Protein backbone atom coordinates (compact mmCIF):
# COMPACT_ATOMS: atom_id res chain seq x y z
CA UNK A 1 138.96 255.73 203.34
CA UNK A 2 135.63 254.83 204.05
CA UNK A 3 133.65 258.18 204.92
CA UNK A 4 131.32 257.73 208.13
CA UNK A 5 128.59 259.62 209.06
CA UNK A 6 127.81 261.58 212.61
CA UNK A 7 125.74 260.21 214.88
CA UNK A 8 122.61 261.62 215.31
CA UNK A 9 119.72 262.24 218.24
CA UNK A 10 117.12 259.18 216.94
CA UNK A 11 120.47 256.90 216.56
CA UNK A 12 121.81 256.66 219.23
CA UNK A 13 120.35 253.81 220.49
CA UNK A 14 120.12 251.66 217.38
CA UNK A 15 123.01 249.57 217.49
CA UNK A 16 124.56 246.69 219.54
CA UNK A 17 127.60 247.14 221.81
CA UNK A 18 129.40 245.27 224.54
CA UNK A 19 130.14 247.44 227.70
CA UNK A 20 133.28 247.35 229.52
CA UNK A 21 133.16 248.22 233.33
CA UNK A 22 134.19 251.64 233.99
CA UNK A 23 136.31 250.58 236.92
CA UNK A 24 138.09 248.64 234.89
CA UNK A 25 139.68 252.07 233.07
CA UNK A 26 139.43 253.99 236.36
CA UNK A 27 140.50 251.99 239.59
CA UNK A 28 144.55 251.59 239.96
CA UNK A 29 144.06 247.89 240.73
CA UNK A 30 143.34 246.97 237.12
CA UNK A 31 145.94 249.68 236.19
CA UNK A 32 148.34 246.17 234.54
CA UNK A 33 145.43 244.69 232.96
CA UNK A 34 146.00 244.81 229.11
CA UNK A 35 143.26 246.58 226.91
CA UNK A 36 142.37 243.63 225.67
CA UNK A 37 141.84 241.28 228.75
CA UNK A 38 139.57 244.50 229.58
CA UNK A 39 137.54 243.85 226.12
CA UNK A 40 137.55 240.15 226.57
CA UNK A 41 136.15 240.21 230.24
CA UNK A 42 133.49 242.74 228.41
CA UNK A 43 132.65 239.86 225.92
CA UNK A 44 132.05 237.45 228.97
CA UNK A 45 130.22 239.86 230.74
CA UNK A 46 127.97 239.96 227.51
CA UNK A 47 127.76 235.78 227.64
CA UNK A 48 126.42 235.93 231.19
CA UNK A 49 122.71 237.06 229.98
CA UNK A 50 122.57 233.73 227.65
CA UNK A 51 124.15 231.90 230.19
CA UNK A 52 121.53 232.92 232.94
CA UNK A 53 118.42 232.30 230.47
CA UNK A 54 119.68 228.36 229.65
CA UNK A 55 120.15 227.76 233.51
CA UNK A 56 123.64 227.40 232.93
CA UNK A 57 123.97 227.42 236.91
CA UNK A 58 126.10 225.30 239.30
CA UNK A 59 124.88 223.84 242.65
CA UNK A 60 125.99 226.77 244.60
CA UNK A 61 123.73 229.33 242.17
CA UNK A 62 127.25 230.59 240.40
CA UNK A 63 126.52 231.20 236.82
CA UNK A 64 129.00 230.26 234.38
CA UNK A 65 129.73 230.48 230.69
CA UNK A 66 131.21 228.53 227.57
CA UNK A 67 133.75 230.91 225.27
CA UNK A 68 135.87 229.23 223.21
CA UNK A 69 139.86 229.81 222.09
CA UNK A 70 138.49 229.82 218.61
CA UNK A 71 135.37 232.99 219.27
CA UNK A 72 138.43 234.58 221.47
CA UNK A 73 140.61 234.00 218.49
CA UNK A 74 137.82 235.60 215.76
CA UNK A 75 136.49 238.49 218.47
CA UNK A 76 139.61 240.23 219.36
CA UNK A 77 141.46 239.20 216.38
CA UNK A 78 144.88 237.22 217.70
CA UNK A 79 146.10 234.36 217.43
CA UNK A 80 145.82 231.04 220.03
CA UNK A 81 149.04 232.07 222.07
CA UNK A 82 147.32 235.16 222.91
CA UNK A 83 143.96 234.35 223.63
CA UNK A 84 145.41 231.72 226.05
CA UNK A 85 147.62 234.70 227.49
CA UNK A 86 144.21 236.95 227.61
CA UNK A 87 142.70 234.07 230.11
CA UNK A 88 145.41 233.60 231.87
CA UNK A 89 145.58 237.07 232.48
CA UNK A 90 142.27 237.82 233.46
CA UNK A 91 142.77 234.73 235.99
CA UNK A 92 145.80 236.58 237.51
CA UNK A 93 143.64 238.97 238.23
CA UNK A 94 140.78 236.96 239.48
CA UNK A 95 138.10 238.15 236.97
CA UNK A 96 136.90 234.27 236.10
CA UNK A 97 137.60 230.90 237.15
CA UNK A 98 137.91 228.57 234.61
CA UNK A 99 136.86 224.79 235.70
CA UNK A 100 137.07 221.39 233.74
CA UNK A 101 133.94 219.39 233.54
CA UNK A 102 135.91 216.12 232.46
CA UNK A 103 136.90 214.62 228.93
CA UNK A 104 134.80 215.76 225.89
CA UNK A 105 133.06 218.63 228.23
CA UNK A 106 134.38 222.26 227.68
CA UNK A 107 135.53 224.13 230.09
CA UNK A 108 133.15 226.35 232.24
CA UNK A 109 134.19 229.82 232.63
CA UNK A 110 133.29 231.99 235.82
CA UNK A 111 132.89 235.38 235.20
CA UNK A 112 133.46 237.09 238.64
CA UNK A 113 132.45 240.49 239.85
CA UNK A 114 134.29 243.05 238.98
CA UNK A 115 133.59 245.28 241.93
CA UNK A 116 135.64 243.72 245.05
CA UNK A 117 132.80 244.52 247.80
CA UNK A 118 132.81 243.26 251.81
CA UNK A 119 129.70 242.50 253.18
CA UNK A 120 130.25 243.16 257.28
CA UNK A 121 126.84 243.61 260.05
CA UNK A 122 124.65 244.96 257.25
CA UNK A 123 127.24 247.78 255.40
CA UNK A 124 128.88 247.51 252.47
CA UNK A 125 132.41 248.41 251.98
CA UNK A 126 133.75 249.32 248.01
CA UNK A 127 137.48 250.45 247.37
CA UNK A 128 137.56 253.29 245.77
CA UNK A 129 141.44 254.52 244.39
CA UNK A 130 140.90 257.55 247.50
CA UNK A 131 140.83 254.79 250.00
CA UNK A 132 137.49 252.40 251.72
CA UNK A 133 134.85 254.13 251.72
CA UNK A 134 131.80 252.57 253.41
CA UNK A 135 128.51 252.69 251.93
CA UNK A 136 125.29 251.32 252.52
CA UNK A 137 121.86 250.30 250.68
CA UNK A 138 120.80 253.23 248.36
CA UNK A 139 124.13 254.42 248.35
CA UNK A 140 125.52 251.24 246.70
CA UNK A 141 122.83 250.92 244.22
CA UNK A 142 123.65 254.69 243.30
CA UNK A 143 127.93 253.58 243.02
CA UNK A 144 126.83 250.48 241.15
CA UNK A 145 124.83 252.16 238.63
CA UNK A 146 127.51 255.12 237.70
CA UNK A 147 130.29 251.83 237.66
CA UNK A 148 128.28 250.25 235.13
CA UNK A 149 126.02 252.43 233.64
CA UNK A 150 123.06 250.66 234.15
CA UNK A 151 120.75 252.50 231.93
CA UNK A 152 116.90 251.80 233.72
CA UNK A 153 117.03 248.65 233.51
CA UNK A 154 117.42 245.36 235.94
CA UNK A 155 119.68 243.39 233.64
CA UNK A 156 122.94 243.90 231.80
CA UNK A 157 121.43 243.36 228.57
CA UNK A 158 124.16 244.54 225.97
CA UNK A 159 122.53 243.66 223.18
CA UNK A 160 119.59 246.67 221.77
CA UNK A 161 118.94 245.20 218.63
CA UNK A 162 115.69 242.54 218.66
CA UNK A 163 114.90 240.62 215.63
CA UNK A 164 111.62 240.51 214.47
CA UNK A 165 110.96 237.13 216.09
CA UNK A 166 112.48 238.43 219.54
CA UNK A 167 115.44 237.24 219.24
CA UNK A 168 118.64 238.81 220.40
CA UNK A 169 120.45 239.20 217.13
CA UNK A 170 123.94 237.95 218.53
CA UNK A 171 122.42 234.99 220.11
CA UNK A 172 122.76 232.77 217.20
CA UNK A 173 126.86 233.31 217.22
CA UNK A 174 126.56 232.53 221.34
CA UNK A 175 125.35 229.20 220.20
CA UNK A 176 128.09 228.41 217.35
CA UNK A 177 130.82 229.09 220.36
CA UNK A 178 129.34 226.85 222.33
CA UNK A 179 128.69 223.83 219.62
CA UNK A 180 131.78 224.42 218.35
CA UNK A 181 133.82 223.69 221.76
CA UNK A 182 131.21 221.12 222.92
CA UNK A 183 131.13 219.08 219.21
CA UNK A 184 134.64 219.88 219.28
CA UNK A 185 134.28 221.50 215.34
CA UNK A 186 138.14 222.29 214.32
CA UNK A 187 138.95 218.93 215.96
CA UNK A 188 135.83 216.97 213.89
CA UNK A 189 137.35 218.36 210.89
CA UNK A 190 140.71 217.76 211.23
CA UNK A 191 139.76 214.02 211.37
CA UNK A 192 137.07 214.01 209.08
CA UNK A 193 138.61 216.41 206.21
CA UNK A 194 136.20 214.96 203.25
CA UNK A 195 133.15 215.77 205.80
CA UNK A 196 133.55 219.60 206.13
CA UNK A 197 131.00 220.52 204.15
CA UNK A 198 128.55 217.86 205.72
CA UNK A 199 129.78 219.49 209.50
CA UNK A 200 129.11 222.32 208.86
CA UNK A 201 125.47 221.71 207.78
CA UNK A 202 124.92 220.04 210.61
CA UNK A 203 125.97 222.38 212.84
CA UNK A 204 123.79 224.98 210.82
CA UNK A 205 120.80 222.86 211.54
CA UNK A 206 121.71 222.77 215.38
CA UNK A 207 121.56 226.20 215.32
CA UNK A 208 118.52 226.41 213.32
CA UNK A 209 116.51 224.66 216.05
CA UNK A 210 117.98 225.64 218.99
CA UNK A 211 117.20 229.30 217.89
CA UNK A 212 113.94 228.45 216.78
CA UNK A 213 110.99 230.55 218.28
CA UNK A 214 108.36 227.68 217.60
CA UNK A 215 106.61 226.09 220.44
CA UNK A 216 107.21 222.27 218.97
CA UNK A 217 109.67 220.98 216.86
CA UNK A 218 108.76 217.62 213.96
CA UNK A 219 110.88 215.00 215.28
CA UNK A 220 110.27 211.71 213.34
CA UNK A 221 106.86 212.70 212.68
CA UNK A 222 106.16 213.80 215.93
CA UNK A 223 105.79 217.06 216.98
CA UNK A 224 107.43 217.63 220.13
CA UNK A 225 108.25 220.77 222.86
CA UNK A 226 110.80 222.76 221.60
CA UNK A 227 112.16 222.78 224.86
CA UNK A 228 112.77 219.59 225.18
CA UNK A 229 114.44 219.05 221.53
CA UNK A 230 116.78 221.73 222.19
CA UNK A 231 118.01 220.37 225.57
CA UNK A 232 118.36 216.99 223.98
CA UNK A 233 120.96 218.87 221.53
CA UNK A 234 122.22 220.40 223.81
CA UNK A 235 123.95 217.33 225.28
CA UNK A 236 125.53 216.26 222.14
CA UNK A 237 129.31 215.73 222.35
CA UNK A 238 131.53 215.31 219.75
CA UNK A 239 131.28 211.38 220.09
CA UNK A 240 127.45 211.82 218.68
CA UNK A 241 129.01 214.28 215.81
CA UNK A 242 131.00 211.12 214.81
CA UNK A 243 127.75 208.95 215.36
CA UNK A 244 125.69 211.07 212.76
CA UNK A 245 128.44 211.36 210.46
CA UNK A 246 129.40 207.35 210.52
CA UNK A 247 125.48 206.92 210.14
CA UNK A 248 124.86 209.16 207.14
CA UNK A 249 127.59 206.73 205.41
CA UNK A 250 126.40 203.40 206.21
CA UNK A 251 122.71 204.06 205.10
CA UNK A 252 121.49 202.97 202.39
CA UNK A 253 117.73 203.95 201.95
CA UNK A 254 116.15 206.57 200.08
CA UNK A 255 116.25 209.98 201.89
CA UNK A 256 113.62 212.21 200.74
CA UNK A 257 114.50 214.99 203.77
CA UNK A 258 117.58 214.59 204.67
CA UNK A 259 117.44 217.96 207.24
CA UNK A 260 114.46 215.90 209.36
CA UNK A 261 116.75 212.97 209.11
CA UNK A 262 119.66 214.21 210.33
CA UNK A 263 117.88 216.42 212.66
CA UNK A 264 115.99 212.97 213.82
CA UNK A 265 119.30 211.49 214.42
CA UNK A 266 120.74 214.17 216.13
CA UNK A 267 117.83 214.30 218.81
CA UNK A 268 118.18 210.18 218.99
CA UNK A 269 121.95 209.95 219.31
CA UNK A 270 122.03 210.11 223.31
CA UNK A 271 119.63 207.37 222.78
CA UNK A 272 120.72 205.30 220.30
CA UNK A 273 124.55 205.74 220.11
CA UNK A 274 125.90 202.63 221.86
CA UNK A 275 122.89 200.09 220.17
CA UNK A 276 124.34 201.41 217.01
CA UNK A 277 127.88 200.32 217.54
CA UNK A 278 127.43 197.44 219.18
CA UNK A 279 125.63 195.81 216.18
CA UNK A 280 128.04 197.24 213.86
CA UNK A 281 130.83 195.21 216.01
CA UNK A 282 128.63 192.25 215.63
CA UNK A 283 127.83 192.35 212.09
CA UNK A 284 131.92 192.57 211.75
CA UNK A 285 132.44 189.41 214.06
CA UNK A 286 129.58 187.88 212.29
CA UNK A 287 131.42 188.65 208.82
CA UNK A 288 134.69 187.47 210.25
CA UNK A 289 136.15 191.11 209.95
CA UNK A 290 137.02 191.13 213.62
């Protein structure tokens, strides 16, 4: 059996932790919420910081996140049926709200506030197990701080490990979950079984790019602002991924730097995909294939 050491004073803040709001464990209204659902809510709260940074905010100023079923299966250690059940459970308790965003786009998940507060003439009411307690201003800040265990910080930053280049250690995995859903990676692998390796390589290249801390990125021989490159890649969907795979198969030129070629193709995909397929159709018609 694996042996584990004790925690010592200087080690207590070295690790990354997910935070689960205390009220989910102590308030009677959440007594029926399963432990796995509470853990999943904590994972969703952690993802909110990435959404805020990427400006995934709707017209009403509400933050939303992306979290795939595959990510839930992996992080909770469950089958897809349970992952779906956990989402419905959180919806039933009104802790999340899911909204579909159209074909080819992932559902947005709105993580809702776990504190049932009501505003009335400048006063705030908080629902404790002992009843409805009236609190105002300074008391509210103290109450919220106790419930969420904020440690002298304005943001609920759950990851205490920061890499040398300033990137949160779990940021890459958060982006991975986003792109696995927007690019429909599992479905694409099922449709293109002989291209699984290439799909994985493309995904890793995208992650390397969006997680880079460079100010610029070389695209088709030109240095472009990383923010512009990242914004373009964040708009890709499974159709663009299929386009890149198809372009690689039909390209007969000698490609000296395959990574640069793929990155340039990904970057230009939203602009060139229609012309590409139009040209292919015209070629097939001229050849009598259509």
